């Protein structure tokens, strides 16, 4: 399995790619920041997720996806970003995020 700290590039969920998405400015509101290795930090924000080396202002990789909630599982290297859909980003297949549709009903 590819380690999440070894990824490079920018990744998008399918609906943004197909809709002609060009990119975003800024990262949005911070949801979570955590060390994922001695030299790497994972930022989860309302604009998506990004991995940085400590002291760097340029991300090693970014996953652009609107989110109001986010979670990271260090054991699997998966990131979950949720807004209207739940999007699972897996380091093993970064260009193939899994999307689970949401609903408008009560829970």
PDB file of N, CA and C in Angstrom:
ATOM      1  N   UNK A   1       0.845  -1.185   0.000  1.00  0.00           N
ATOM      2  CA  UNK A   1       0.000   0.000   0.000  1.00  0.00           C
ATOM      3  C   UNK A   1       0.889   1.245   0.000  1.00  0.00           C
ATOM      4  N   UNK A   2       0.543   2.205  -0.847  1.00  0.00           N
ATOM      5  CA  UNK A   2       1.297   3.447  -0.911  1.00  0.00           C
ATOM      6  C   UNK A   2       1.023   4.266   0.338  1.00  0.00           C
ATOM      7  N   UNK A   3       2.078   4.784   0.935  1.00  0.00           N
ATOM      8  CA  UNK A   3       1.922   5.597   2.136  1.00  0.00           C
ATOM      9  C   UNK A   3       1.381   6.971   1.768  1.00  0.00           C
ATOM     10  N   UNK A   4       0.557   7.504   2.629  1.00  0.00           N
ATOM     11  CA  UNK A   4      -0.060   8.797   2.364  1.00  0.00           C
ATOM     12  C   UNK A   4       0.984   9.905   2.264  1.00  0.00           C
ATOM     13  N   UNK A   5       2.111   9.784   2.955  1.00  0.00           N
ATOM     14  CA  UNK A   5       3.150  10.811   2.874  1.00  0.00           C
ATOM     15  C   UNK A   5       3.946  10.729   1.577  1.00  0.00           C
ATOM     16  N   UNK A   6       3.802   9.652   0.812  1.00  0.00           N
ATOM     17  CA  UNK A   6       4.532   9.497  -0.446  1.00  0.00           C
ATOM     18  C   UNK A   6       3.781  10.045  -1.657  1.00  0.00           C
ATOM     19  N   UNK A   7       2.523  10.440  -1.492  1.00  0.00           N
ATOM     20  CA  UNK A   7       1.736  10.958  -2.615  1.00  0.00           C
ATOM     21  C   UNK A   7       2.269  12.313  -3.067  1.00  0.00           C
ATOM     22  N   UNK A   8       2.036  12.645  -4.333  1.00  0.00           N
ATOM     23  CA  UNK A   8       2.366  13.964  -4.874  1.00  0.00           C
ATOM     24  C   UNK A   8       1.289  14.342  -5.882  1.00  0.00           C
ATOM     25  N   UNK A   9       0.856  15.593  -5.902  1.00  0.00           N
ATOM     26  CA  UNK A   9      -0.104  16.053  -6.888  1.00  0.00           C
ATOM     27  C   UNK A   9      -1.376  16.590  -6.269  1.00  0.00           C
ATOM     28  N   UNK A  10      -2.332  16.870  -7.144  1.00  0.00           N
ATOM     29  CA  UNK A  10      -3.651  17.358  -6.750  1.00  0.00           C
ATOM     30  C   UNK A  10      -4.689  16.377  -7.258  1.00  0.00           C
ATOM     31  N   UNK A  11      -5.599  15.980  -6.400  1.00  0.00           N
ATOM     32  CA  UNK A  11      -6.616  14.986  -6.729  1.00  0.00           C
ATOM     33  C   UNK A  11      -8.001  15.590  -6.521  1.00  0.00           C
ATOM     34  N   UNK A  12      -8.950  15.192  -7.369  1.00  0.00           N
ATOM     35  CA  UNK A  12     -10.310  15.730  -7.323  1.00  0.00           C
ATOM     36  C   UNK A  12     -11.331  14.612  -7.324  1.00  0.00           C
ATOM     37  N   UNK A  13     -12.493  14.819  -6.672  1.00  0.00           N
ATOM     38  CA  UNK A  13     -13.577  13.853  -6.823  1.00  0.00           C
ATOM     39  C   UNK A  13     -14.161  13.966  -8.232  1.00  0.00           C
ATOM     40  N   UNK A  14     -14.794  12.908  -8.728  1.00  0.00           N
ATOM     41  CA  UNK A  14     -15.274  12.874 -10.114  1.00  0.00           C
ATOM     42  C   UNK A  14     -16.202  14.021 -10.506  1.00  0.00           C
ATOM     43  N   UNK A  15     -17.142  14.423  -9.630  1.00  0.00           N
ATOM     44  CA  UNK A  15     -18.094  15.456 -10.047  1.00  0.00           C
ATOM     45  C   UNK A  15     -17.417  16.802 -10.273  1.00  0.00           C
ATOM     46  N   UNK A  16     -16.337  17.096  -9.551  1.00  0.00           N
ATOM     47  CA  UNK A  16     -15.610  18.339  -9.798  1.00  0.00           C
ATOM     48  C   UNK A  16     -14.831  18.252 -11.107  1.00  0.00           C
ATOM     49  N   UNK A  17     -14.187  17.126 -11.333  1.00  0.00           N
ATOM     50  CA  UNK A  17     -13.416  16.919 -12.562  1.00  0.00           C
ATOM     51  C   UNK A  17     -14.331  17.014 -13.786  1.00  0.00           C
ATOM     52  N   UNK A  18     -15.474  16.359 -13.740  1.00  0.00           N
ATOM     53  CA  UNK A  18     -16.399  16.333 -14.873  1.00  0.00           C
ATOM     54  C   UNK A  18     -17.098  17.679 -15.070  1.00  0.00           C
ATOM     55  N   UNK A  19     -17.227  18.451 -14.020  1.00  0.00           N
ATOM     56  CA  UNK A  19     -17.908  19.738 -14.108  1.00  0.00           C
ATOM     57  C   UNK A  19     -17.017  20.872 -14.583  1.00  0.00           C
ATOM     58  N   UNK A  20     -15.767  20.582 -14.918  1.00  0.00           N
ATOM     59  CA  UNK A  20     -14.863  21.606 -15.411  1.00  0.00           C
ATOM     60  C   UNK A  20     -14.203  22.438 -14.328  1.00  0.00           C
ATOM     61  N   UNK A  21     -14.087  21.902 -13.132  1.00  0.00           N
ATOM     62  CA  UNK A  21     -13.479  22.595 -11.996  1.00  0.00           C
ATOM     63  C   UNK A  21     -12.051  23.015 -12.333  1.00  0.00           C
ATOM     64  N   UNK A  22     -11.711  24.285 -12.066  1.00  0.00           N
ATOM     65  CA  UNK A  22     -10.384  24.800 -12.391  1.00  0.00           C
ATOM     66  C   UNK A  22      -9.458  24.890 -11.187  1.00  0.00           C
ATOM     67  N   UNK A  23      -9.988  24.952  -9.996  1.00  0.00           N
ATOM     68  CA  UNK A  23      -9.150  25.050  -8.804  1.00  0.00           C
ATOM     69  C   UNK A  23      -9.769  26.007  -7.801  1.00  0.00           C
ATOM     70  N   UNK A  24      -9.153  26.111  -6.652  1.00  0.00           N
ATOM     71  CA  UNK A  24      -9.672  26.969  -5.594  1.00  0.00           C
ATOM     72  C   UNK A  24      -8.575  27.889  -5.098  1.00  0.00           C
ATOM     73  N   UNK A  25      -8.972  28.910  -4.400  1.00  0.00           N
ATOM     74  CA  UNK A  25      -8.028  29.829  -3.783  1.00  0.00           C
ATOM     75  C   UNK A  25      -8.170  29.646  -2.283  1.00  0.00           C
ATOM     76  N   UNK A  26      -7.091  29.310  -1.599  1.00  0.00           N
ATOM     77  CA  UNK A  26      -7.132  29.086  -0.163  1.00  0.00           C
ATOM     78  C   UNK A  26      -7.625  27.699   0.197  1.00  0.00           C
ATOM     79  N   UNK A  27      -7.622  27.388   1.475  1.00  0.00           N
ATOM     80  CA  UNK A  27      -7.996  26.067   1.956  1.00  0.00           C
ATOM     81  C   UNK A  27      -9.316  26.055   2.701  1.00  0.00           C
ATOM     82  N   UNK A  28      -9.868  27.207   3.014  1.00  0.00           N
ATOM     83  CA  UNK A  28     -11.100  27.239   3.783  1.00  0.00           C
ATOM     84  C   UNK A  28     -10.809  27.224   5.273  1.00  0.00           C
ATOM     85  N   UNK A  29     -11.799  26.849   6.040  1.00  0.00           N
ATOM     86  CA  UNK A  29     -11.694  26.810   7.496  1.00  0.00           C
ATOM     87  C   UNK A  29     -11.041  25.508   7.944  1.00  0.00           C
ATOM     88  N   UNK A  30     -10.105  25.614   8.860  1.00  0.00           N
ATOM     89  CA  UNK A  30      -9.405  24.441   9.382  1.00  0.00           C
ATOM     90  C   UNK A  30     -10.365  23.561  10.179  1.00  0.00           C
ATOM     91  N   UNK A  31     -10.411  22.274   9.849  1.00  0.00           N
ATOM     92  CA  UNK A  31     -11.197  21.297  10.601  1.00  0.00           C
ATOM     93  C   UNK A  31     -10.305  20.486  11.529  1.00  0.00           C
ATOM     94  N   UNK A  32      -9.078  20.168  11.064  1.00  0.00           N
ATOM     95  CA  UNK A  32      -8.166  19.340  11.849  1.00  0.00           C
ATOM     96  C   UNK A  32      -6.753  19.471  11.296  1.00  0.00           C
ATOM     97  N   UNK A  33      -5.779  19.435  12.180  1.00  0.00           N
ATOM     98  CA  UNK A  33      -4.368  19.393  11.783  1.00  0.00           C
ATOM     99  C   UNK A  33      -3.682  18.396  12.699  1.00  0.00           C
ATOM    100  N   UNK A  34      -2.895  17.482  12.108  1.00  0.00           N
ATOM    101  CA  UNK A  34      -2.237  16.482  12.948  1.00  0.00           C
ATOM    102  C   UNK A  34      -0.955  16.006  12.301  1.00  0.00           C
ATOM    103  N   UNK A  35      -0.023  15.617  13.135  1.00  0.00           N
ATOM    104  CA  UNK A  35       1.215  15.009  12.650  1.00  0.00           C
ATOM    105  C   UNK A  35       0.895  13.591  12.205  1.00  0.00           C
ATOM    106  N   UNK A  36       1.356  13.219  11.007  1.00  0.00           N
ATOM    107  CA  UNK A  36       1.141  11.852  10.524  1.00  0.00           C
ATOM    108  C   UNK A  36       2.464  11.115  10.371  1.00  0.00           C
ATOM    109  N   UNK A  37       3.561  11.811  10.619  1.00  0.00           N
ATOM    110  CA  UNK A  37       4.892  11.210  10.671  1.00  0.00           C
ATOM    111  C   UNK A  37       5.773  12.232  11.384  1.00  0.00           C
ATOM    112  N   UNK A  38       7.011  11.879  11.702  1.00  0.00           N
ATOM    113  CA  UNK A  38       7.878  12.863  12.353  1.00  0.00           C
ATOM    114  C   UNK A  38       8.134  14.118  11.512  1.00  0.00           C
ATOM    115  N   UNK A  39       7.934  14.040  10.194  1.00  0.00           N
ATOM    116  CA  UNK A  39       8.231  15.198   9.345  1.00  0.00           C
ATOM    117  C   UNK A  39       7.053  15.672   8.491  1.00  0.00           C
ATOM    118  N   UNK A  40       5.842  15.142   8.738  1.00  0.00           N
ATOM    119  CA  UNK A  40       4.691  15.491   7.906  1.00  0.00           C
ATOM    120  C   UNK A  40       3.465  15.853   8.745  1.00  0.00           C
ATOM    121  N   UNK A  41       2.676  16.796   8.218  1.00  0.00           N
ATOM    122  CA  UNK A  41       1.446  17.244   8.863  1.00  0.00           C
ATOM    123  C   UNK A  41       0.296  17.114   7.873  1.00  0.00           C
ATOM    124  N   UNK A  42      -0.831  16.586   8.326  1.00  0.00           N
ATOM    125  CA  UNK A  42      -2.037  16.474   7.514  1.00  0.00           C
ATOM    126  C   UNK A  42      -3.003  17.570   7.942  1.00  0.00           C
ATOM    127  N   UNK A  43      -3.439  18.378   6.972  1.00  0.00           N
ATOM    128  CA  UNK A  43      -4.404  19.445   7.211  1.00  0.00           C
ATOM    129  C   UNK A  43      -5.734  19.029   6.596  1.00  0.00           C
ATOM    130  N   UNK A  44      -6.793  19.012   7.393  1.00  0.00           N
ATOM    131  CA  UNK A  44      -8.148  18.768   6.902  1.00  0.00           C
ATOM    132  C   UNK A  44      -8.907  20.079   7.061  1.00  0.00           C
ATOM    133  N   UNK A  45      -9.452  20.581   5.951  1.00  0.00           N
ATOM    134  CA  UNK A  45     -10.129  21.877   5.962  1.00  0.00           C
ATOM    135  C   UNK A  45     -11.396  21.803   5.122  1.00  0.00           C
ATOM    136  N   UNK A  46     -12.179  22.878   5.150  1.00  0.00           N
ATOM    137  CA  UNK A  46     -13.428  22.889   4.397  1.00  0.00           C
ATOM    138  C   UNK A  46     -13.202  22.857   2.888  1.00  0.00           C
ATOM    139  N   UNK A  47     -11.978  23.091   2.435  1.00  0.00           N
ATOM    140  CA  UNK A  47     -11.647  23.000   1.011  1.00  0.00           C
ATOM    141  C   UNK A  47     -11.049  21.672   0.616  1.00  0.00           C
ATOM    142  N   UNK A  48     -10.820  20.770   1.583  1.00  0.00           N
ATOM    143  CA  UNK A  48     -10.244  19.458   1.284  1.00  0.00           C
ATOM    144  C   UNK A  48      -9.128  19.103   2.248  1.00  0.00           C
ATOM    145  N   UNK A  49      -8.200  18.278   1.775  1.00  0.00           N
ATOM    146  CA  UNK A  49      -7.095  17.796   2.602  1.00  0.00           C
ATOM    147  C   UNK A  49      -5.775  18.091   1.904  1.00  0.00           C
ATOM    148  N   UNK A  50      -4.721  18.274   2.694  1.00  0.00           N
ATOM    149  CA  UNK A  50      -3.393  18.509   2.133  1.00  0.00           C
ATOM    150  C   UNK A  50      -2.345  17.985   3.104  1.00  0.00           C
ATOM    151  N   UNK A  51      -1.214  17.548   2.555  1.00  0.00           N
ATOM    152  CA  UNK A  51      -0.094  17.060   3.360  1.00  0.00           C
ATOM    153  C   UNK A  51       1.101  17.986   3.152  1.00  0.00           C
ATOM    154  N   UNK A  52       1.703  18.407   4.249  1.00  0.00           N
ATOM    155  CA  UNK A  52       2.853  19.306   4.213  1.00  0.00           C
ATOM    156  C   UNK A  52       4.032  18.679   4.941  1.00  0.00           C
ATOM    157  N   UNK A  53       5.242  18.999   4.490  1.00  0.00           N
ATOM    158  CA  UNK A  53       6.424  18.731   5.301  1.00  0.00           C
ATOM    159  C   UNK A  53       6.501  19.869   6.306  1.00  0.00           C
ATOM    160  N   UNK A  54       6.948  19.578   7.530  1.00  0.00           N
ATOM    161  CA  UNK A  54       7.068  20.609   8.550  1.00  0.00           C
ATOM    162  C   UNK A  54       7.929  21.742   8.017  1.00  0.00           C
ATOM    163  N   UNK A  55       7.492  22.964   8.212  1.00  0.00           N
ATOM    164  CA  UNK A  55       8.243  24.138   7.795  1.00  0.00           C
ATOM    165  C   UNK A  55       8.015  24.561   6.353  1.00  0.00           C
ATOM    166  N   UNK A  56       7.271  23.789   5.590  1.00  0.00           N
ATOM    167  CA  UNK A  56       7.013  24.122   4.190  1.00  0.00           C
ATOM    168  C   UNK A  56       5.639  24.767   4.053  1.00  0.00           C
ATOM    169  N   UNK A  57       5.518  25.706   3.128  1.00  0.00           N
ATOM    170  CA  UNK A  57       4.223  26.319   2.857  1.00  0.00           C
ATOM    171  C   UNK A  57       3.592  25.753   1.589  1.00  0.00           C
ATOM    172  N   UNK A  58       4.296  24.850   0.922  1.00  0.00           N
ATOM    173  CA  UNK A  58       3.800  24.237  -0.302  1.00  0.00           C
ATOM    174  C   UNK A  58       3.396  22.798  -0.005  1.00  0.00           C
ATOM    175  N   UNK A  59       2.149  22.422  -0.301  1.00  0.00           N
ATOM    176  CA  UNK A  59       1.723  21.049  -0.011  1.00  0.00           C
ATOM    177  C   UNK A  59       2.412  20.030  -0.911  1.00  0.00           C
ATOM    178  N   UNK A  60       2.699  18.855  -0.347  1.00  0.00           N
ATOM    179  CA  UNK A  60       3.220  17.742  -1.142  1.00  0.00           C
ATOM    180  C   UNK A  60       2.115  17.202  -2.028  1.00  0.00           C
ATOM    181  N   UNK A  61       0.898  17.143  -1.488  1.00  0.00           N
ATOM    182  CA  UNK A  61      -0.275  16.732  -2.265  1.00  0.00           C
ATOM    183  C   UNK A  61      -1.500  17.397  -1.677  1.00  0.00           C
ATOM    184  N   UNK A  62      -2.553  17.491  -2.493  1.00  0.00           N
ATOM    185  CA  UNK A  62      -3.829  18.049  -2.071  1.00  0.00           C
ATOM    186  C   UNK A  62      -4.961  17.197  -2.622  1.00  0.00           C
ATOM    187  N   UNK A  63      -6.017  17.072  -1.848  1.00  0.00           N
ATOM    188  CA  UNK A  63      -7.249  16.455  -2.324  1.00  0.00           C
ATOM    189  C   UNK A  63      -8.322  17.516  -2.188  1.00  0.00           C
ATOM    190  N   UNK A  64      -8.758  18.072  -3.301  1.00  0.00           N
ATOM    191  CA  UNK A  64      -9.710  19.170  -3.296  1.00  0.00           C
ATOM    192  C   UNK A  64     -11.132  18.630  -3.294  1.00  0.00           C
ATOM    193  N   UNK A  65     -11.855  18.928  -2.227  1.00  0.00           N
ATOM    194  CA  UNK A  65     -13.215  18.416  -2.080  1.00  0.00           C
ATOM    195  C   UNK A  65     -13.907  19.239  -0.992  1.00  0.00           C
ATOM    196  N   UNK A  66     -15.022  19.901  -1.297  1.00  0.00           N
ATOM    197  CA  UNK A  66     -15.727  20.659  -0.264  1.00  0.00           C
ATOM    198  C   UNK A  66     -16.109  19.756   0.905  1.00  0.00           C
ATOM    199  N   UNK A  67     -15.947  20.268   2.128  1.00  0.00           N
ATOM    200  CA  UNK A  67     -16.230  19.446   3.306  1.00  0.00           C
ATOM    201  C   UNK A  67     -16.690  20.314   4.467  1.00  0.00           C
ATOM    202  N   UNK A  68     -17.620  19.786   5.237  1.00  0.00           N
ATOM    203  CA  UNK A  68     -18.004  20.424   6.491  1.00  0.00           C
ATOM    204  C   UNK A  68     -17.556  19.563   7.671  1.00  0.00           C
ATOM    205  N   UNK A  69     -17.105  18.340   7.370  1.00  0.00           N
ATOM    206  CA  UNK A  69     -16.569  17.427   8.386  1.00  0.00           C
ATOM    207  C   UNK A  69     -15.494  16.567   7.732  1.00  0.00           C
ATOM    208  N   UNK A  70     -14.508  16.160   8.527  1.00  0.00           N
ATOM    209  CA  UNK A  70     -13.406  15.364   7.986  1.00  0.00           C
ATOM    210  C   UNK A  70     -12.840  14.456   9.065  1.00  0.00           C
ATOM    211  N   UNK A  71     -12.288  13.330   8.629  1.00  0.00           N
ATOM    212  CA  UNK A  71     -11.648  12.385   9.550  1.00  0.00           C
ATOM    213  C   UNK A  71     -10.516  11.679   8.816  1.00  0.00           C
ATOM    214  N   UNK A  72      -9.512  11.232   9.571  1.00  0.00           N
ATOM    215  CA  UNK A  72      -8.365  10.519   9.021  1.00  0.00           C
ATOM    216  C   UNK A  72      -8.135   9.253   9.828  1.00  0.00           C
ATOM    217  N   UNK A  73      -7.933   8.123   9.138  1.00  0.00           N
ATOM    218  CA  UNK A  73      -7.606   6.854   9.783  1.00  0.00           C
ATOM    219  C   UNK A  73      -6.151   6.534   9.482  1.00  0.00           C
ATOM    220  N   UNK A  74      -5.237   6.712  10.444  1.00  0.00           N
ATOM    221  CA  UNK A  74      -3.822   6.480  10.179  1.00  0.00           C
ATOM    222  C   UNK A  74      -3.493   5.030   9.841  1.00  0.00           C
ATOM    223  N   UNK A  75      -4.261   4.081  10.345  1.00  0.00           N
ATOM    224  CA  UNK A  75      -3.973   2.666  10.070  1.00  0.00           C
ATOM    225  C   UNK A  75      -4.173   2.323   8.597  1.00  0.00           C
ATOM    226  N   UNK A  76      -5.201   2.884   7.980  1.00  0.00           N
ATOM    227  CA  UNK A  76      -5.491   2.566   6.574  1.00  0.00           C
ATOM    228  C   UNK A  76      -4.998   3.635   5.608  1.00  0.00           C
ATOM    229  N   UNK A  77      -4.689   4.831   6.114  1.00  0.00           N
ATOM    230  CA  UNK A  77      -4.301   5.926   5.238  1.00  0.00           C
ATOM    231  C   UNK A  77      -5.480   6.533   4.500  1.00  0.00           C
ATOM    232  N   UNK A  78      -6.690   6.331   5.004  1.00  0.00           N
ATOM    233  CA  UNK A  78      -7.888   6.864   4.351  1.00  0.00           C
ATOM    234  C   UNK A  78      -8.335   8.168   5.015  1.00  0.00           C
ATOM    235  N   UNK A  79      -8.860   9.045   4.171  1.00  0.00           N
ATOM    236  CA  UNK A  79      -9.418  10.310   4.625  1.00  0.00           C
ATOM    237  C   UNK A  79     -10.886  10.329   4.222  1.00  0.00           C
ATOM    238  N   UNK A  80     -11.752  10.723   5.140  1.00  0.00           N
ATOM    239  CA  UNK A  80     -13.179  10.877   4.841  1.00  0.00           C
ATOM    240  C   UNK A  80     -13.515  12.363   4.902  1.00  0.00           C
ATOM    241  N   UNK A  81     -14.116  12.867   3.833  1.00  0.00           N
ATOM    242  CA  UNK A  81     -14.567  14.251   3.767  1.00  0.00           C
ATOM    243  C   UNK A  81     -16.068  14.229   3.487  1.00  0.00           C
ATOM    244  N   UNK A  82     -16.832  14.988   4.262  1.00  0.00           N
ATOM    245  CA  UNK A  82     -18.291  14.943   4.112  1.00  0.00           C
ATOM    246  C   UNK A  82     -18.868  16.338   3.951  1.00  0.00           C
ATOM    247  N   UNK A  83     -19.805  16.446   3.055  1.00  0.00           N
ATOM    248  CA  UNK A  83     -20.658  17.615   2.903  1.00  0.00           C
ATOM    249  C   UNK A  83     -21.991  17.093   2.397  1.00  0.00           C
ATOM    250  N   UNK A  84     -22.303  17.235   1.135  1.00  0.00           N
ATOM    251  CA  UNK A  84     -23.518  16.624   0.595  1.00  0.00           C
ATOM    252  C   UNK A  84     -23.320  15.129   0.375  1.00  0.00           C
ATOM    253  N   UNK A  85     -22.090  14.730   0.113  1.00  0.00           N
ATOM    254  CA  UNK A  85     -21.715  13.331  -0.073  1.00  0.00           C
ATOM    255  C   UNK A  85     -20.604  13.011   0.919  1.00  0.00           C
ATOM    256  N   UNK A  86     -20.382  11.744   1.154  1.00  0.00           N
ATOM    257  CA  UNK A  86     -19.212  11.290   1.895  1.00  0.00           C
ATOM    258  C   UNK A  86     -18.200  10.839   0.854  1.00  0.00           C
ATOM    259  N   UNK A  87     -17.025  11.433   0.857  1.00  0.00           N
ATOM    260  CA  UNK A  87     -15.977  11.086  -0.092  1.00  0.00           C
ATOM    261  C   UNK A  87     -14.828  10.446   0.671  1.00  0.00           C
ATOM    262  N   UNK A  88     -14.451   9.226   0.272  1.00  0.00           N
ATOM    263  CA  UNK A  88     -13.332   8.514   0.885  1.00  0.00           C
ATOM    264  C   UNK A  88     -12.142   8.590  -0.056  1.00  0.00           C
ATOM    265  N   UNK A  89     -11.042   9.109   0.446  1.00  0.00           N
ATOM    266  CA  UNK A  89      -9.810   9.269  -0.299  1.00  0.00           C
ATOM    267  C   UNK A  89      -8.813   8.261   0.258  1.00  0.00           C
ATOM    268  N   UNK A  90      -8.301   7.390  -0.588  1.00  0.00           N
ATOM    269  CA  UNK A  90      -7.401   6.311  -0.181  1.00  0.00           C
ATOM    270  C   UNK A  90      -6.031   6.533  -0.811  1.00  0.00           C
ATOM    271  N   UNK A  91      -4.980   6.513  -0.010  1.00  0.00           N
ATOM    272  CA  UNK A  91      -3.625   6.716  -0.526  1.00  0.00           C
ATOM    273  C   UNK A  91      -3.245   5.675  -1.571  1.00  0.00           C
ATOM    274  N   UNK A  92      -3.816   4.483  -1.495  1.00  0.00           N
ATOM    275  CA  UNK A  92      -3.495   3.432  -2.461  1.00  0.00           C
ATOM    276  C   UNK A  92      -4.064   3.741  -3.846  1.00  0.00           C
ATOM    277  N   UNK A  93      -5.154   4.504  -3.901  1.00  0.00           N
ATOM    278  CA  UNK A  93      -5.805   4.853  -5.174  1.00  0.00           C
ATOM    279  C   UNK A  93      -6.229   6.322  -5.131  1.00  0.00           C
ATOM    280  N   UNK A  94      -5.277   7.257  -5.077  1.00  0.00           N
ATOM    281  CA  UNK A  94      -5.622   8.660  -4.864  1.00  0.00           C
ATOM    282  C   UNK A  94      -6.455   9.287  -5.974  1.00  0.00           C
ATOM    283  N   UNK A  95      -6.372   8.756  -7.181  1.00  0.00           N
ATOM    284  CA  UNK A  95      -7.130   9.333  -8.287  1.00  0.00           C
ATOM    285  C   UNK A  95      -8.498   8.672  -8.466  1.00  0.00           C
ATOM    286  N   UNK A  96      -8.879   7.791  -7.524  1.00  0.00           N
ATOM    287  CA  UNK A  96     -10.166   7.098  -7.593  1.00  0.00           C
ATOM    288  C   UNK A  96     -10.903   7.188  -6.256  1.00  0.00           C
ATOM    289  N   UNK A  97     -11.290   8.393  -5.829  1.00  0.00           N
ATOM    290  CA  UNK A  97     -12.010   8.493  -4.558  1.00  0.00           C
ATOM    291  C   UNK A  97     -13.374   7.820  -4.649  1.00  0.00           C
ATOM    292  N   UNK A  98     -13.805   7.272  -3.543  1.00  0.00           N
ATOM    293  CA  UNK A  98     -15.111   6.614  -3.458  1.00  0.00           C
ATOM    294  C   UNK A  98     -16.111   7.620  -2.898  1.00  0.00           C
ATOM    295  N   UNK A  99     -17.256   7.756  -3.552  1.00  0.00           N
ATOM    296  CA  UNK A  99     -18.277   8.670  -3.067  1.00  0.00           C
ATOM    297  C   UNK A  99     -19.542   7.918  -2.699  1.00  0.00           C
ATOM    298  N   UNK A 100     -20.053   8.246  -1.530  1.00  0.00           N
ATOM    299  CA  UNK A 100     -21.318   7.696  -1.057  1.00  0.00           C
ATOM    300  C   UNK A 100     -22.315   8.847  -1.019  1.00  0.00           C
ATOM    301  N   UNK A 101     -23.439   8.734  -1.737  1.00  0.00           N
ATOM    302  CA  UNK A 101     -24.380   9.851  -1.803  1.00  0.00           C
ATOM    303  C   UNK A 101     -25.058  10.105  -0.464  1.00  0.00           C
ATOM    304  N   UNK A 102     -25.368  11.365  -0.236  1.00  0.00           N
ATOM    305  CA  UNK A 102     -26.111  11.744   0.956  1.00  0.00           C
ATOM    306  C   UNK A 102     -27.602  11.721   0.676  1.00  0.00           C
ATOM    307  N   UNK A 103     -28.389  12.273   1.604  1.00  0.00           N
ATOM    308  CA  UNK A 103     -29.839  12.342   1.417  1.00  0.00           C
ATOM    309  C   UNK A 103     -30.361  13.598   2.092  1.00  0.00           C
ATOM    310  N   UNK A 104     -31.577  13.962   1.763  1.00  0.00           N
ATOM    311  CA  UNK A 104     -32.189  15.166   2.319  1.00  0.00           C
ATOM    312  C   UNK A 104     -33.118  14.876   3.489  1.00  0.00           C
ATOM    313  N   UNK A 105     -33.358  13.602   3.769  1.00  0.00           N
ATOM    314  CA  UNK A 105     -34.301  13.233   4.817  1.00  0.00           C
ATOM    315  C   UNK A 105     -33.735  13.404   6.210  1.00  0.00           C
ATOM    316  N   UNK A 106     -34.605  13.266   7.189  1.00  0.00           N
ATOM    317  CA  UNK A 106     -34.182  13.333   8.582  1.00  0.00           C
ATOM    318  C   UNK A 106     -33.404  12.090   8.955  1.00  0.00           C
ATOM    319  N   UNK A 107     -32.550  12.240   9.953  1.00  0.00           N
ATOM    320  CA  UNK A 107     -31.793  11.090  10.454  1.00  0.00           C
ATOM    321  C   UNK A 107     -32.178  10.799  11.876  1.00  0.00           C
TER     322      UNK A 107
END
